[in-house]
N, C-alpha and C. Protein backbone atom coordinates (compact mmCIF):
# COMPACT_ATOMS: atom_id res chain seq x y z
N MET A 1 3.39 7.80 3.89
CA MET A 1 3.40 7.54 2.61
C MET A 1 4.89 7.04 2.06
N ASN A 2 4.53 6.22 1.11
CA ASN A 2 5.98 5.60 0.60
C ASN A 2 6.41 6.34 -0.77
N PRO A 3 7.83 6.88 -0.56
CA PRO A 3 8.31 7.41 -1.58
C PRO A 3 8.30 7.00 -3.30
N ALA A 4 7.95 7.90 -4.14
CA ALA A 4 7.70 7.65 -5.45
C ALA A 4 9.01 7.14 -6.16
N VAL A 5 9.14 6.36 -6.69
CA VAL A 5 10.36 5.46 -7.55
C VAL A 5 10.42 6.25 -8.91
N ILE A 6 11.21 7.41 -9.01
CA ILE A 6 11.37 8.05 -10.35
C ILE A 6 12.81 7.91 -10.95
N ASN A 7 12.92 7.39 -11.98
CA ASN A 7 14.16 7.31 -12.66
C ASN A 7 14.32 8.33 -13.70
N PHE A 8 15.74 8.99 -13.99
CA PHE A 8 15.40 10.20 -15.11
C PHE A 8 16.96 10.10 -15.72
N THR A 9 16.87 10.79 -16.40
CA THR A 9 18.51 11.33 -16.91
C THR A 9 18.38 12.77 -17.39
N ILE A 10 19.78 13.24 -16.87
CA ILE A 10 20.20 14.41 -17.11
C ILE A 10 21.01 14.61 -18.29
N GLU A 11 20.73 15.47 -19.48
CA GLU A 11 21.43 15.67 -20.16
C GLU A 11 22.69 16.82 -19.96
N GLN A 12 23.84 16.13 -20.29
CA GLN A 12 24.94 17.05 -19.54
C GLN A 12 25.19 18.39 -20.76
N GLY A 13 25.22 19.56 -20.30
CA GLY A 13 25.43 20.72 -20.86
C GLY A 13 24.19 21.42 -21.38
N ALA A 14 23.21 20.90 -20.64
CA ALA A 14 21.92 21.25 -21.08
C ALA A 14 20.87 21.77 -19.90
N ASP A 15 20.09 22.74 -19.99
CA ASP A 15 19.55 22.97 -18.69
C ASP A 15 18.33 21.63 -18.45
N TRP A 16 18.16 21.70 -17.29
CA TRP A 16 17.25 20.50 -17.04
C TRP A 16 16.63 21.05 -15.72
N GLN A 17 15.17 20.22 -16.00
CA GLN A 17 14.53 20.24 -14.89
C GLN A 17 13.21 18.94 -14.78
N LEU A 18 12.80 18.91 -13.61
CA LEU A 18 11.93 17.56 -13.53
C LEU A 18 10.79 18.37 -12.51
N PRO A 19 9.61 18.57 -13.48
CA PRO A 19 8.64 19.11 -13.08
C PRO A 19 7.71 17.83 -12.42
N LEU A 20 7.59 17.84 -10.76
CA LEU A 20 7.13 17.01 -10.28
C LEU A 20 5.61 17.82 -9.50
N ARG A 21 4.36 16.95 -9.14
CA ARG A 21 3.26 17.86 -8.29
C ARG A 21 2.82 16.89 -7.50
N TRP A 22 2.40 17.03 -5.93
CA TRP A 22 2.25 16.26 -5.09
C TRP A 22 0.58 16.57 -4.58
N THR A 23 -0.08 15.42 -4.97
CA THR A 23 -1.56 15.50 -5.06
C THR A 23 -2.12 14.63 -3.69
N GLY A 24 -3.45 14.71 -3.13
CA GLY A 24 -3.82 13.85 -2.59
C GLY A 24 -5.63 14.25 -3.06
N ALA A 25 -6.21 12.80 -3.14
CA ALA A 25 -7.61 12.65 -3.25
C ALA A 25 -7.68 13.80 -4.38
N GLY A 26 -6.84 13.76 -5.25
CA GLY A 26 -7.08 14.31 -6.79
C GLY A 26 -6.69 16.05 -6.41
N LEU A 27 -6.42 16.36 -5.44
CA LEU A 27 -6.07 17.99 -5.37
C LEU A 27 -4.57 18.32 -5.35
N PRO A 28 -4.23 18.96 -5.07
CA PRO A 28 -2.78 19.51 -4.81
C PRO A 28 -2.82 19.79 -3.50
N VAL A 29 -1.32 19.32 -3.24
CA VAL A 29 -0.99 19.54 -1.35
C VAL A 29 -0.44 20.71 -1.35
N ASP A 30 -1.04 21.65 -0.55
CA ASP A 30 -0.68 22.91 -0.42
C ASP A 30 1.26 22.85 0.32
N LEU A 31 2.15 23.02 -0.18
CA LEU A 31 3.65 23.38 -0.15
C LEU A 31 3.96 24.54 0.66
N THR A 32 2.93 25.47 0.89
CA THR A 32 3.31 26.63 1.46
C THR A 32 4.24 26.59 2.89
N GLY A 33 5.23 27.07 3.21
CA GLY A 33 6.05 26.93 4.42
C GLY A 33 6.85 25.73 4.09
N TYR A 34 6.98 25.13 3.21
CA TYR A 34 7.73 23.49 3.02
C TYR A 34 9.15 24.14 2.53
N THR A 35 10.17 23.13 2.66
CA THR A 35 11.30 23.17 2.28
C THR A 35 11.38 22.02 1.56
N ALA A 36 12.84 22.04 0.75
CA ALA A 36 12.97 20.80 -0.04
C ALA A 36 14.32 20.37 -0.03
N LEU A 37 14.79 19.01 -0.28
CA LEU A 37 15.86 18.92 -0.14
C LEU A 37 16.13 17.60 -1.21
N MET A 38 17.40 17.47 -2.05
CA MET A 38 17.40 16.85 -2.72
C MET A 38 18.79 16.08 -2.86
N GLN A 39 19.28 15.03 -2.47
CA GLN A 39 21.09 14.62 -2.82
C GLN A 39 21.26 13.41 -3.68
N PHE A 40 22.39 13.76 -4.18
CA PHE A 40 22.71 12.36 -5.32
C PHE A 40 23.74 11.82 -4.69
N ARG A 41 23.78 10.65 -4.59
CA ARG A 41 25.05 9.63 -4.14
C ARG A 41 25.45 8.63 -4.87
N PRO A 42 26.86 8.37 -4.94
CA PRO A 42 27.15 7.07 -5.55
C PRO A 42 26.34 5.92 -5.38
N ALA A 43 25.86 5.86 -3.94
CA ALA A 43 25.02 4.38 -3.79
C ALA A 43 24.11 4.69 -2.54
N VAL A 44 23.60 3.94 -2.27
CA VAL A 44 22.38 4.69 -1.11
C VAL A 44 23.42 4.56 0.19
N ASP A 45 23.70 3.72 0.51
CA ASP A 45 24.98 3.87 1.81
C ASP A 45 26.20 4.55 1.50
N ASP A 46 26.68 5.34 0.72
CA ASP A 46 27.82 6.22 0.56
C ASP A 46 27.46 7.46 1.15
N PRO A 47 28.26 8.17 2.14
CA PRO A 47 28.32 9.18 2.67
C PRO A 47 28.63 10.13 1.67
N LYS A 48 29.29 10.06 0.42
CA LYS A 48 29.57 11.23 -0.34
C LYS A 48 28.40 11.93 -1.03
N VAL A 49 28.20 12.99 -1.07
CA VAL A 49 27.06 13.55 -1.73
C VAL A 49 27.75 14.31 -3.27
N LEU A 50 27.17 13.94 -4.29
CA LEU A 50 27.71 14.06 -5.45
C LEU A 50 26.99 15.37 -5.96
N LEU A 51 25.90 15.92 -5.38
CA LEU A 51 25.34 17.20 -5.90
C LEU A 51 24.04 17.15 -4.97
N GLU A 52 23.76 18.21 -4.56
CA GLU A 52 22.77 18.66 -3.53
C GLU A 52 21.90 19.99 -4.24
N LEU A 53 20.66 19.82 -4.26
CA LEU A 53 19.61 20.73 -4.63
C LEU A 53 18.70 20.58 -3.69
N SER A 54 18.28 22.01 -3.25
CA SER A 54 17.30 22.57 -2.24
C SER A 54 16.69 23.73 -2.62
N THR A 55 15.65 24.04 -1.68
CA THR A 55 15.00 25.60 -1.87
C THR A 55 16.30 26.30 -1.33
N ALA A 56 17.13 25.96 -0.32
CA ALA A 56 17.98 27.06 0.22
C ALA A 56 18.63 27.39 -1.08
N ASN A 57 19.51 26.74 -2.04
CA ASN A 57 20.30 26.64 -2.76
C ASN A 57 19.73 27.25 -4.38
N GLY A 58 18.41 27.64 -4.03
CA GLY A 58 17.40 27.83 -5.47
C GLY A 58 17.37 27.06 -6.29
N ARG A 59 18.08 25.54 -6.11
CA ARG A 59 17.93 24.49 -7.33
C ARG A 59 16.36 23.50 -7.08
N ILE A 60 15.56 24.17 -6.00
CA ILE A 60 14.19 23.49 -6.04
C ILE A 60 13.42 24.39 -6.05
N LEU A 61 12.67 24.72 -6.87
CA LEU A 61 11.10 25.61 -6.80
C LEU A 61 9.94 24.71 -6.41
N LEU A 62 9.09 25.50 -5.03
CA LEU A 62 8.21 24.49 -4.62
C LEU A 62 6.83 25.69 -5.26
N GLY A 63 6.07 25.14 -5.41
CA GLY A 63 4.65 26.17 -5.94
C GLY A 63 3.46 26.17 -5.15
N GLY A 64 3.98 26.09 -3.85
CA GLY A 64 2.61 26.47 -2.63
C GLY A 64 1.35 25.93 -3.02
N GLN A 65 0.35 26.47 -3.08
CA GLN A 65 -0.99 25.81 -3.16
C GLN A 65 -0.94 25.17 -4.61
N LEU A 66 -0.19 25.32 -5.31
CA LEU A 66 -0.07 24.58 -6.56
C LEU A 66 0.16 22.99 -6.38
N GLY A 67 1.20 22.68 -5.35
CA GLY A 67 1.70 21.61 -5.25
C GLY A 67 2.87 21.06 -5.90
N THR A 68 3.18 21.97 -6.49
CA THR A 68 4.55 21.88 -7.48
C THR A 68 5.70 21.61 -7.11
N ILE A 69 6.73 21.03 -7.65
CA ILE A 69 8.13 20.63 -6.78
C ILE A 69 9.18 20.38 -8.21
N VAL A 70 9.92 21.59 -8.39
CA VAL A 70 10.90 21.67 -9.86
C VAL A 70 12.06 21.49 -9.34
N PRO A 71 12.80 20.46 -9.36
CA PRO A 71 14.17 20.15 -9.07
C PRO A 71 14.79 20.76 -10.59
N ARG A 72 15.56 21.42 -10.27
CA ARG A 72 16.46 22.25 -11.83
C ARG A 72 17.85 22.45 -11.78
N LEU A 73 18.40 22.49 -12.90
CA LEU A 73 19.76 22.77 -13.22
C LEU A 73 20.11 23.31 -14.31
N ASP A 74 21.08 24.31 -14.34
CA ASP A 74 21.30 25.13 -15.70
C ASP A 74 22.46 24.64 -16.08
N ALA A 75 22.58 24.79 -17.59
CA ALA A 75 23.69 24.14 -18.64
C ALA A 75 24.56 24.22 -17.86
N LYS A 76 25.40 25.32 -17.21
CA LYS A 76 26.73 25.27 -16.53
C LYS A 76 26.81 24.30 -15.69
N THR A 77 25.63 23.98 -14.89
CA THR A 77 26.20 23.15 -13.71
C THR A 77 26.14 21.58 -14.42
N THR A 78 25.13 21.25 -15.30
CA THR A 78 25.17 19.95 -16.11
C THR A 78 26.27 19.43 -16.82
N ARG A 79 26.95 20.82 -17.19
CA ARG A 79 27.90 20.45 -17.88
C ARG A 79 29.37 20.03 -17.26
N SER A 80 29.27 20.34 -15.68
CA SER A 80 30.31 20.05 -15.12
C SER A 80 29.97 18.60 -14.07
N LEU A 81 28.98 17.87 -14.37
CA LEU A 81 28.76 16.83 -13.99
C LEU A 81 29.67 15.41 -13.93
N TRP A 82 30.50 15.31 -13.51
CA TRP A 82 31.42 14.19 -13.90
C TRP A 82 30.89 12.68 -14.04
N TRP A 83 29.99 12.21 -12.96
CA TRP A 83 29.65 10.93 -12.89
C TRP A 83 28.46 10.73 -13.88
N THR A 84 28.41 9.40 -14.12
CA THR A 84 27.27 8.67 -15.15
C THR A 84 26.41 8.35 -14.37
N GLU A 85 26.30 7.94 -13.11
CA GLU A 85 24.87 7.35 -12.41
C GLU A 85 25.00 7.67 -11.08
N ALA A 86 24.01 7.95 -10.45
CA ALA A 86 23.73 7.98 -8.80
C ALA A 86 22.63 7.71 -8.57
N VAL A 87 22.24 7.85 -7.45
CA VAL A 87 21.02 7.63 -6.74
C VAL A 87 20.73 8.46 -5.84
N TYR A 88 19.63 8.85 -5.76
CA TYR A 88 19.26 9.80 -4.91
C TYR A 88 17.94 10.19 -4.17
N GLY A 89 17.55 10.95 -3.56
CA GLY A 89 16.50 11.15 -2.58
C GLY A 89 15.96 12.54 -2.26
N LEU A 90 14.50 12.69 -2.70
CA LEU A 90 14.20 14.05 -2.61
C LEU A 90 13.32 13.86 -1.40
N ARG A 91 13.14 15.18 -0.49
CA ARG A 91 12.71 15.25 0.86
C ARG A 91 11.89 16.56 0.98
N LEU A 92 10.99 16.47 1.65
CA LEU A 92 10.13 17.94 1.76
C LEU A 92 10.03 17.95 3.30
N ILE A 93 10.16 19.02 3.49
CA ILE A 93 10.32 19.33 5.21
C ILE A 93 9.04 20.46 5.50
N ARG A 94 8.36 19.97 6.33
CA ARG A 94 6.99 21.05 6.55
C ARG A 94 7.58 21.69 7.71
N SER A 95 6.84 22.92 7.84
CA SER A 95 7.56 24.16 8.63
C SER A 95 7.50 23.49 10.23
N ASP A 96 7.03 22.63 10.66
CA ASP A 96 7.22 21.88 12.02
C ASP A 96 8.00 21.14 11.99
N GLY A 97 8.85 20.77 10.86
CA GLY A 97 10.46 19.84 10.91
C GLY A 97 9.78 18.67 10.63
N TYR A 98 8.53 17.89 10.03
CA TYR A 98 8.45 16.87 9.70
C TYR A 98 8.82 16.59 8.67
N VAL A 99 9.78 15.43 8.31
CA VAL A 99 10.37 15.07 7.18
C VAL A 99 9.53 13.97 6.50
N ILE A 100 9.32 14.18 5.00
CA ILE A 100 8.57 13.30 4.00
C ILE A 100 9.46 12.97 3.03
N ALA A 101 9.73 11.55 2.78
CA ALA A 101 10.44 11.12 1.62
C ALA A 101 9.61 11.18 0.39
N PHE A 102 9.72 11.93 -0.42
CA PHE A 102 8.55 12.13 -1.58
C PHE A 102 8.90 11.33 -2.42
N ALA A 103 10.48 11.37 -2.94
CA ALA A 103 10.89 10.44 -4.57
C ALA A 103 12.33 9.81 -3.98
N VAL A 104 12.28 8.67 -4.59
CA VAL A 104 13.76 8.24 -4.64
C VAL A 104 14.03 7.42 -6.26
N GLY A 105 15.29 6.97 -6.44
CA GLY A 105 15.17 6.36 -7.79
C GLY A 105 16.76 6.71 -8.23
N THR A 106 17.12 6.23 -9.33
CA THR A 106 18.51 6.40 -9.98
C THR A 106 18.48 7.68 -11.09
N ALA A 107 19.48 8.48 -11.26
CA ALA A 107 19.89 9.54 -12.10
C ALA A 107 20.93 9.02 -13.17
N MET A 108 20.57 9.33 -14.30
CA MET A 108 21.97 9.07 -15.22
C MET A 108 22.03 10.20 -15.91
N VAL A 109 23.50 10.52 -15.94
CA VAL A 109 24.05 11.60 -16.98
C VAL A 109 24.70 11.45 -18.30
N ALA A 110 23.63 11.89 -19.33
CA ALA A 110 23.87 11.51 -20.90
C ALA A 110 25.39 12.42 -21.18
N ARG A 111 26.19 11.95 -21.43
CA ARG A 111 27.36 12.56 -22.02
C ARG A 111 26.94 13.78 -23.15
N GLU A 112 27.37 14.72 -23.22
CA GLU A 112 27.24 16.08 -24.13
C GLU A 112 27.98 15.42 -25.22
N ILE A 113 26.98 15.77 -26.51
CA ILE A 113 27.57 15.23 -27.51
C ILE A 113 27.94 16.68 -28.64
N ALA A 114 26.87 17.64 -28.34
CA ALA A 114 27.17 18.97 -29.16
C ALA A 114 27.85 19.88 -28.43
N HIS A 115 28.84 20.33 -28.18
CA HIS A 115 29.45 21.26 -27.52
C HIS A 115 29.36 22.66 -28.08
N GLU A 116 29.10 23.58 -27.15
CA GLU A 116 28.79 25.09 -27.61
C GLU A 116 30.50 25.61 -27.50
N VAL A 117 30.32 26.57 -28.81
CA VAL A 117 31.88 27.32 -29.00
C VAL A 117 31.47 28.51 -27.96
N LEU A 118 32.41 28.51 -26.56
CA LEU A 118 32.07 29.57 -25.87
C LEU A 118 33.18 30.58 -26.12
N LEU A 119 32.99 31.75 -26.62
CA LEU A 119 33.60 32.89 -27.06
C LEU A 119 34.31 33.57 -25.88
């Protein structure tokens, strides 16, 4: 499987999610027992990880038999993003350790314009 190329923008200071679904022959792929990892880096060959989302840290939700994959960040986290562009890779890992490159692309961070007044 070749990874899908998906580019997106994260709005700084707002909750963010990227709902995805893995299907095969028109049916959802059962993700029961899978884990997921998504890393953002300044460039493909840069070892520095700017941000990591995973099932382990609760920032990726997998929908089992529905085949859904939902990377997500809360507003507090997106507010702290200091970079404006990164590349990312999203991998799914089967329970037997087999790794699937599911998606790659570019992520942009749109700077926050409307700021909340925090009391």
